[in-house]
Amino acid sequence: MKPPIVKFWRVWVNEMGVSCQSLHAFDNHQQSVFAQGAAPIWSAAHSSVGNQLVTLVLMPGEVFDWHENPVPQWIITLRGQWAVKTMDGMVVEMKPGDISFGGDQETLNRQGHCSWCIGDLPTELLLVQASETPRWNPC
C-alpha cells in the first residue's frame, strides 16, 4: 500500500517581503504501532518544537485587517468556513478539516494577510502555536 499524504496550506514570506500561500504535504508516513496494544497505523512525526494550543472563533460578517500571524502556528479548521488573502493576491477558502501554517512574520510593512469568516455561522479554529518555524524551504 502506498503511504498516505496529508495536504496543508502554508502562508510564507518571499524574498521581497510579500506574503504568499502554497499547497504543501506531510509525507514520510510509515506503518508503526502508535499506542501500545493497538494495531499498526500510518504515522509520521513532523516537529519536535514546544507548542501552545489556542482556540479562535471568527464571527459571521467580521473581516480582519491586514496583520501577521503573531507566531508561527498551525491552524486547523474545526467548524465553519473562512478565507485568507495574502499580499500576492491569492485567496484560499478553508472548511472543516483544512490545515494552514501561518508563517508570515516579518513581511513588508508588517502587512501579512487578512482573513474573514464565510457564511452565516461562526468559524471555530484550533491553533497550535510553535516556538519556532519548522525547517523547510518555501515553494
N, C-alpha and C. Protein backbone atom coordinates (compact mmCIF):
# COMPACT_ATOMS: atom_id res chain seq x y z
N MET A 1 0.85 -1.18 0.00
CA MET A 1 0.00 0.00 0.00
C MET A 1 0.89 1.24 0.00
N LYS A 2 0.53 2.23 -0.78
CA LYS A 2 1.28 3.48 -0.87
C LYS A 2 1.05 4.34 0.38
N PRO A 3 2.13 4.91 0.97
CA PRO A 3 1.96 5.76 2.15
C PRO A 3 1.05 6.97 1.86
N PRO A 4 0.20 7.35 2.81
CA PRO A 4 -0.70 8.50 2.60
C PRO A 4 0.06 9.83 2.67
N ILE A 5 -0.58 10.85 2.11
CA ILE A 5 -0.08 12.22 2.15
C ILE A 5 -1.17 13.07 2.77
N VAL A 6 -0.81 13.98 3.69
CA VAL A 6 -1.76 14.90 4.31
C VAL A 6 -1.40 16.30 3.82
N LYS A 7 -2.32 16.93 3.08
CA LYS A 7 -2.06 18.24 2.50
C LYS A 7 -2.39 19.38 3.46
N PHE A 8 -1.65 20.49 3.30
CA PHE A 8 -1.92 21.70 4.09
C PHE A 8 -1.47 22.93 3.31
N TRP A 9 -2.12 24.06 3.61
CA TRP A 9 -1.74 25.34 3.03
C TRP A 9 -0.67 25.97 3.90
N ARG A 10 0.28 26.63 3.27
CA ARG A 10 1.34 27.32 4.02
C ARG A 10 1.38 28.78 3.61
N VAL A 11 1.29 29.68 4.59
CA VAL A 11 1.48 31.11 4.37
C VAL A 11 2.93 31.40 4.71
N TRP A 12 3.67 32.01 3.77
CA TRP A 12 5.10 32.25 3.96
C TRP A 12 5.48 33.58 3.33
N VAL A 13 6.69 34.03 3.56
CA VAL A 13 7.17 35.33 3.07
C VAL A 13 8.26 35.09 2.03
N ASN A 14 8.10 35.70 0.83
CA ASN A 14 9.13 35.54 -0.20
C ASN A 14 10.27 36.54 0.02
N GLU A 15 11.26 36.50 -0.86
CA GLU A 15 12.46 37.33 -0.70
C GLU A 15 12.18 38.83 -0.82
N MET A 16 11.02 39.21 -1.34
CA MET A 16 10.63 40.63 -1.46
C MET A 16 9.84 41.10 -0.23
N GLY A 17 9.60 40.20 0.73
CA GLY A 17 8.85 40.54 1.93
C GLY A 17 7.35 40.45 1.73
N VAL A 18 6.91 39.75 0.66
CA VAL A 18 5.49 39.63 0.34
C VAL A 18 4.99 38.27 0.83
N SER A 19 3.84 38.27 1.50
CA SER A 19 3.25 37.01 1.95
C SER A 19 2.65 36.27 0.76
N CYS A 20 2.78 34.96 0.77
CA CYS A 20 2.29 34.08 -0.29
C CYS A 20 1.65 32.86 0.36
N GLN A 21 0.88 32.09 -0.45
CA GLN A 21 0.31 30.84 0.02
C GLN A 21 0.60 29.77 -1.01
N SER A 22 0.91 28.58 -0.54
CA SER A 22 1.12 27.45 -1.45
C SER A 22 0.71 26.16 -0.74
N LEU A 23 0.34 25.18 -1.55
CA LEU A 23 -0.11 23.90 -1.03
C LEU A 23 1.11 23.00 -0.81
N HIS A 24 1.19 22.40 0.37
CA HIS A 24 2.29 21.51 0.74
C HIS A 24 1.70 20.19 1.23
N ALA A 25 2.56 19.27 1.61
CA ALA A 25 2.07 17.98 2.09
C ALA A 25 2.99 17.41 3.15
N PHE A 26 2.38 16.78 4.15
CA PHE A 26 3.12 15.96 5.10
C PHE A 26 3.27 14.60 4.43
N ASP A 27 4.48 14.08 4.43
CA ASP A 27 4.68 12.74 3.88
C ASP A 27 5.54 11.94 4.85
N ASN A 28 6.20 10.94 4.39
CA ASN A 28 7.05 10.06 5.20
C ASN A 28 6.27 9.24 6.22
N HIS A 29 4.98 9.01 5.97
CA HIS A 29 4.20 8.16 6.88
C HIS A 29 4.68 6.72 6.77
N GLN A 30 4.74 6.05 7.91
CA GLN A 30 5.14 4.65 7.97
C GLN A 30 4.16 3.89 8.85
N GLN A 31 3.99 2.62 8.53
CA GLN A 31 3.16 1.76 9.38
C GLN A 31 3.94 1.46 10.66
N SER A 32 3.38 1.82 11.80
CA SER A 32 4.04 1.54 13.07
C SER A 32 2.98 1.49 14.18
N VAL A 33 3.38 0.92 15.31
CA VAL A 33 2.49 0.87 16.47
C VAL A 33 2.58 2.22 17.16
N PHE A 34 1.50 2.99 17.13
CA PHE A 34 1.46 4.33 17.71
C PHE A 34 1.16 4.28 19.20
N ALA A 35 0.35 3.32 19.61
CA ALA A 35 -0.02 3.17 21.03
C ALA A 35 0.09 1.69 21.40
N GLN A 36 0.69 1.43 22.53
CA GLN A 36 0.88 0.05 22.99
C GLN A 36 -0.43 -0.72 22.96
N GLY A 37 -0.42 -1.89 22.34
CA GLY A 37 -1.60 -2.74 22.27
C GLY A 37 -2.47 -2.49 21.06
N ALA A 38 -2.21 -1.39 20.32
CA ALA A 38 -3.01 -1.07 19.12
C ALA A 38 -2.35 -1.68 17.88
N ALA A 39 -3.14 -1.88 16.86
CA ALA A 39 -2.62 -2.38 15.58
C ALA A 39 -1.77 -1.28 14.92
N PRO A 40 -0.84 -1.66 14.03
CA PRO A 40 -0.05 -0.64 13.32
C PRO A 40 -0.95 0.34 12.58
N ILE A 41 -0.50 1.59 12.52
CA ILE A 41 -1.24 2.67 11.87
C ILE A 41 -0.24 3.55 11.14
N TRP A 42 -0.69 4.27 10.11
CA TRP A 42 0.18 5.20 9.39
C TRP A 42 0.47 6.40 10.29
N SER A 43 1.76 6.72 10.50
CA SER A 43 2.09 7.88 11.33
C SER A 43 3.44 8.44 10.89
N ALA A 44 3.66 9.71 11.24
CA ALA A 44 4.94 10.39 10.98
C ALA A 44 5.05 11.56 11.93
N ALA A 45 6.22 11.79 12.50
CA ALA A 45 6.47 12.95 13.35
C ALA A 45 7.00 14.07 12.47
N HIS A 46 6.45 15.29 12.62
CA HIS A 46 6.82 16.40 11.74
C HIS A 46 7.49 17.55 12.45
N SER A 47 7.42 17.59 13.76
CA SER A 47 8.02 18.69 14.50
C SER A 47 8.28 18.26 15.93
N SER A 48 9.35 18.78 16.50
CA SER A 48 9.64 18.45 17.89
C SER A 48 9.73 19.69 18.76
N VAL A 49 9.28 20.84 18.23
CA VAL A 49 9.35 22.08 18.99
C VAL A 49 8.19 22.18 19.98
N GLY A 50 8.35 23.03 21.01
CA GLY A 50 7.30 23.24 22.00
C GLY A 50 6.07 23.90 21.38
N ASN A 51 4.90 23.60 21.91
CA ASN A 51 3.65 24.11 21.35
C ASN A 51 2.73 24.68 22.42
N GLN A 52 1.81 25.54 21.98
CA GLN A 52 0.73 26.05 22.82
C GLN A 52 -0.56 25.92 22.02
N LEU A 53 -1.64 25.46 22.65
CA LEU A 53 -2.93 25.35 21.97
C LEU A 53 -3.77 26.59 22.24
N VAL A 54 -4.40 27.10 21.16
CA VAL A 54 -5.27 28.28 21.26
C VAL A 54 -6.51 27.99 20.40
N THR A 55 -7.68 28.42 20.85
CA THR A 55 -8.87 28.35 20.01
C THR A 55 -9.30 29.77 19.64
N LEU A 56 -9.78 29.93 18.43
CA LEU A 56 -10.32 31.20 17.95
C LEU A 56 -11.71 30.95 17.38
N VAL A 57 -12.59 31.94 17.52
CA VAL A 57 -13.90 31.87 16.90
C VAL A 57 -14.07 33.14 16.06
N LEU A 58 -14.24 32.96 14.75
CA LEU A 58 -14.49 34.08 13.84
C LEU A 58 -16.00 34.19 13.65
N MET A 59 -16.54 35.36 13.88
CA MET A 59 -17.98 35.55 13.78
C MET A 59 -18.37 35.99 12.37
N PRO A 60 -19.58 35.60 11.93
CA PRO A 60 -20.04 36.00 10.60
C PRO A 60 -20.00 37.52 10.43
N GLY A 61 -19.57 37.97 9.28
CA GLY A 61 -19.51 39.39 8.98
C GLY A 61 -18.22 40.07 9.40
N GLU A 62 -17.43 39.42 10.23
CA GLU A 62 -16.16 40.00 10.66
C GLU A 62 -15.11 39.84 9.56
N VAL A 63 -14.44 40.94 9.25
CA VAL A 63 -13.30 40.92 8.32
C VAL A 63 -12.14 41.54 9.09
N PHE A 64 -11.05 40.81 9.18
CA PHE A 64 -9.92 41.25 9.98
C PHE A 64 -8.93 42.01 9.12
N ASP A 65 -8.46 43.16 9.63
CA ASP A 65 -7.48 43.98 8.92
C ASP A 65 -6.22 43.16 8.63
N TRP A 66 -5.40 43.70 7.74
CA TRP A 66 -4.12 43.08 7.41
C TRP A 66 -3.29 42.95 8.68
N HIS A 67 -2.70 41.78 8.89
CA HIS A 67 -1.90 41.50 10.08
C HIS A 67 -1.01 40.29 9.80
N GLU A 68 0.03 40.15 10.60
CA GLU A 68 0.88 38.97 10.53
C GLU A 68 0.42 37.98 11.59
N ASN A 69 0.68 36.70 11.36
CA ASN A 69 0.48 35.72 12.43
C ASN A 69 1.39 36.12 13.57
N PRO A 70 0.90 36.11 14.81
CA PRO A 70 1.72 36.58 15.94
C PRO A 70 2.96 35.73 16.17
N VAL A 71 2.85 34.43 15.88
CA VAL A 71 3.96 33.48 15.99
C VAL A 71 3.73 32.42 14.91
N PRO A 72 4.74 31.63 14.58
CA PRO A 72 4.49 30.51 13.66
C PRO A 72 3.42 29.60 14.27
N GLN A 73 2.40 29.26 13.47
CA GLN A 73 1.31 28.47 14.05
C GLN A 73 0.59 27.64 13.00
N TRP A 74 0.20 26.45 13.42
CA TRP A 74 -0.68 25.59 12.63
C TRP A 74 -2.10 26.00 12.93
N ILE A 75 -2.95 26.07 11.90
CA ILE A 75 -4.34 26.48 12.06
C ILE A 75 -5.21 25.39 11.45
N ILE A 76 -6.04 24.77 12.29
CA ILE A 76 -6.91 23.68 11.85
C ILE A 76 -8.35 24.15 11.96
N THR A 77 -9.07 24.07 10.85
CA THR A 77 -10.48 24.47 10.83
C THR A 77 -11.32 23.35 11.43
N LEU A 78 -12.03 23.67 12.52
CA LEU A 78 -12.89 22.68 13.18
C LEU A 78 -14.32 22.75 12.66
N ARG A 79 -14.90 23.96 12.63
CA ARG A 79 -16.29 24.17 12.17
C ARG A 79 -16.36 25.48 11.41
N GLY A 80 -17.29 25.54 10.46
CA GLY A 80 -17.48 26.75 9.68
C GLY A 80 -16.48 26.87 8.55
N GLN A 81 -16.49 28.04 7.89
CA GLN A 81 -15.59 28.29 6.77
C GLN A 81 -14.99 29.67 6.91
N TRP A 82 -13.76 29.83 6.40
CA TRP A 82 -13.09 31.12 6.46
C TRP A 82 -12.16 31.23 5.27
N ALA A 83 -11.64 32.44 5.06
CA ALA A 83 -10.74 32.68 3.94
C ALA A 83 -9.53 33.48 4.40
N VAL A 84 -8.41 33.29 3.71
CA VAL A 84 -7.18 34.02 3.95
C VAL A 84 -6.70 34.61 2.63
N LYS A 85 -6.39 35.92 2.64
CA LYS A 85 -5.83 36.58 1.46
C LYS A 85 -4.42 37.04 1.81
N THR A 86 -3.44 36.65 0.99
CA THR A 86 -2.07 37.06 1.20
C THR A 86 -1.73 38.23 0.27
N MET A 87 -0.58 38.84 0.52
CA MET A 87 -0.18 40.05 -0.20
C MET A 87 -0.03 39.83 -1.70
N ASP A 88 0.22 38.59 -2.13
CA ASP A 88 0.36 38.29 -3.55
C ASP A 88 -1.00 38.23 -4.26
N GLY A 89 -2.10 38.42 -3.51
CA GLY A 89 -3.44 38.43 -4.09
C GLY A 89 -4.16 37.09 -4.02
N MET A 90 -3.48 36.04 -3.60
CA MET A 90 -4.11 34.73 -3.54
C MET A 90 -5.08 34.66 -2.38
N VAL A 91 -6.26 34.09 -2.65
CA VAL A 91 -7.28 33.87 -1.63
C VAL A 91 -7.52 32.36 -1.53
N VAL A 92 -7.43 31.84 -0.32
CA VAL A 92 -7.70 30.42 -0.08
C VAL A 92 -8.85 30.33 0.90
N GLU A 93 -9.89 29.56 0.52
CA GLU A 93 -11.03 29.32 1.38
C GLU A 93 -10.83 27.98 2.07
N MET A 94 -11.10 27.94 3.37
CA MET A 94 -10.90 26.72 4.14
C MET A 94 -12.18 26.30 4.84
N LYS A 95 -12.34 25.00 4.94
CA LYS A 95 -13.51 24.39 5.56
C LYS A 95 -13.05 23.38 6.61
N PRO A 96 -13.96 22.78 7.38
CA PRO A 96 -13.55 21.84 8.41
C PRO A 96 -12.60 20.76 7.88
N GLY A 97 -11.54 20.56 8.64
CA GLY A 97 -10.53 19.57 8.26
C GLY A 97 -9.35 20.17 7.51
N ASP A 98 -9.49 21.38 6.97
CA ASP A 98 -8.38 22.01 6.26
C ASP A 98 -7.35 22.53 7.26
N ILE A 99 -6.09 22.48 6.85
CA ILE A 99 -4.96 22.88 7.70
C ILE A 99 -4.16 23.96 6.99
N SER A 100 -3.71 24.95 7.75
CA SER A 100 -2.85 26.01 7.22
C SER A 100 -1.72 26.24 8.21
N PHE A 101 -0.55 26.64 7.69
CA PHE A 101 0.54 27.04 8.56
C PHE A 101 0.76 28.52 8.39
N GLY A 102 0.65 29.30 9.46
CA GLY A 102 0.84 30.75 9.43
C GLY A 102 2.28 31.11 9.74
N GLY A 103 3.05 31.38 8.71
CA GLY A 103 4.45 31.73 8.88
C GLY A 103 4.80 33.01 8.18
N ASP A 104 3.94 34.03 8.30
CA ASP A 104 4.16 35.29 7.57
C ASP A 104 4.73 36.40 8.45
N GLN A 105 5.55 36.03 9.41
CA GLN A 105 6.17 37.04 10.26
C GLN A 105 7.23 37.80 9.43
N GLU A 106 7.34 39.11 9.71
CA GLU A 106 8.34 39.99 9.09
C GLU A 106 8.09 40.24 7.60
N THR A 107 6.82 40.47 7.23
CA THR A 107 6.50 40.86 5.87
C THR A 107 6.79 42.35 5.67
N LEU A 108 6.80 42.78 4.42
CA LEU A 108 6.99 44.18 4.06
C LEU A 108 5.91 45.01 4.73
N ASN A 109 6.28 46.03 5.48
CA ASN A 109 5.35 46.91 6.20
C ASN A 109 4.48 46.16 7.20
N ARG A 110 4.91 44.95 7.59
CA ARG A 110 4.18 44.12 8.56
C ARG A 110 2.73 43.88 8.11
N GLN A 111 2.51 43.81 6.79
CA GLN A 111 1.15 43.66 6.25
C GLN A 111 0.61 42.25 6.46
N GLY A 112 1.38 41.22 6.16
CA GLY A 112 0.95 39.85 6.39
C GLY A 112 -0.19 39.38 5.52
N HIS A 113 -1.36 39.25 6.10
CA HIS A 113 -2.53 38.72 5.41
C HIS A 113 -3.80 39.30 6.03
N CYS A 114 -4.93 39.08 5.39
CA CYS A 114 -6.22 39.39 6.02
C CYS A 114 -7.07 38.13 5.96
N SER A 115 -8.04 38.02 6.84
CA SER A 115 -8.88 36.83 6.90
C SER A 115 -10.29 37.21 7.30
N TRP A 116 -11.23 36.31 7.02
CA TRP A 116 -12.63 36.58 7.35
C TRP A 116 -13.42 35.27 7.38
N CYS A 117 -14.54 35.35 8.08
CA CYS A 117 -15.50 34.25 8.19
C CYS A 117 -16.35 34.22 6.93
N ILE A 118 -16.64 33.04 6.41
CA ILE A 118 -17.51 32.88 5.25
C ILE A 118 -18.84 32.29 5.73
N GLY A 119 -19.94 32.85 5.30
CA GLY A 119 -21.24 32.29 5.63
C GLY A 119 -21.87 32.89 6.87
N ASP A 120 -22.95 32.25 7.33
CA ASP A 120 -23.77 32.76 8.43
C ASP A 120 -23.46 32.12 9.78
N LEU A 121 -22.51 31.20 9.82
CA LEU A 121 -22.18 30.51 11.07
C LEU A 121 -20.78 30.89 11.54
N PRO A 122 -20.56 30.90 12.84
CA PRO A 122 -19.20 31.16 13.34
C PRO A 122 -18.22 30.09 12.84
N THR A 123 -16.98 30.47 12.72
CA THR A 123 -15.92 29.54 12.34
C THR A 123 -15.04 29.28 13.56
N GLU A 124 -14.84 28.01 13.88
CA GLU A 124 -14.01 27.63 15.02
C GLU A 124 -12.68 27.11 14.53
N LEU A 125 -11.59 27.67 15.07
CA LEU A 125 -10.24 27.30 14.66
C LEU A 125 -9.45 26.81 15.87
N LEU A 126 -8.62 25.81 15.64
CA LEU A 126 -7.68 25.34 16.65
C LEU A 126 -6.29 25.72 16.16
N LEU A 127 -5.55 26.48 16.96
CA LEU A 127 -4.20 26.90 16.62
C LEU A 127 -3.21 26.13 17.49
N VAL A 128 -2.16 25.65 16.87
CA VAL A 128 -1.05 25.03 17.58
C VAL A 128 0.14 25.95 17.32
N GLN A 129 0.43 26.78 18.30
CA GLN A 129 1.49 27.77 18.15
C GLN A 129 2.84 27.13 18.47
N ALA A 130 3.78 27.29 17.53
CA ALA A 130 5.10 26.69 17.67
C ALA A 130 6.09 27.69 18.25
N SER A 131 7.09 27.19 18.94
CA SER A 131 8.11 28.08 19.48
C SER A 131 9.08 28.54 18.41
N GLU A 132 9.10 27.84 17.26
CA GLU A 132 9.93 28.25 16.12
C GLU A 132 9.34 27.69 14.84
N THR A 133 9.70 28.29 13.71
CA THR A 133 9.22 27.83 12.41
C THR A 133 9.92 26.52 12.05
N PRO A 134 9.16 25.53 11.58
CA PRO A 134 9.82 24.30 11.13
C PRO A 134 10.84 24.60 10.04
N ARG A 135 11.87 23.80 9.96
CA ARG A 135 12.89 23.99 8.93
C ARG A 135 12.40 23.39 7.62
N TRP A 136 12.19 24.24 6.64
CA TRP A 136 11.79 23.80 5.31
C TRP A 136 12.07 24.90 4.33
N ASN A 137 11.99 24.61 3.05
CA ASN A 137 12.21 25.61 2.01
C ASN A 137 10.86 26.00 1.42
N PRO A 138 10.64 27.29 1.16
CA PRO A 138 9.37 27.69 0.55
C PRO A 138 9.28 27.15 -0.88
N CYS A 139 8.06 26.98 -1.35
CA CYS A 139 7.85 26.52 -2.72
C CYS A 139 8.27 27.61 -3.69
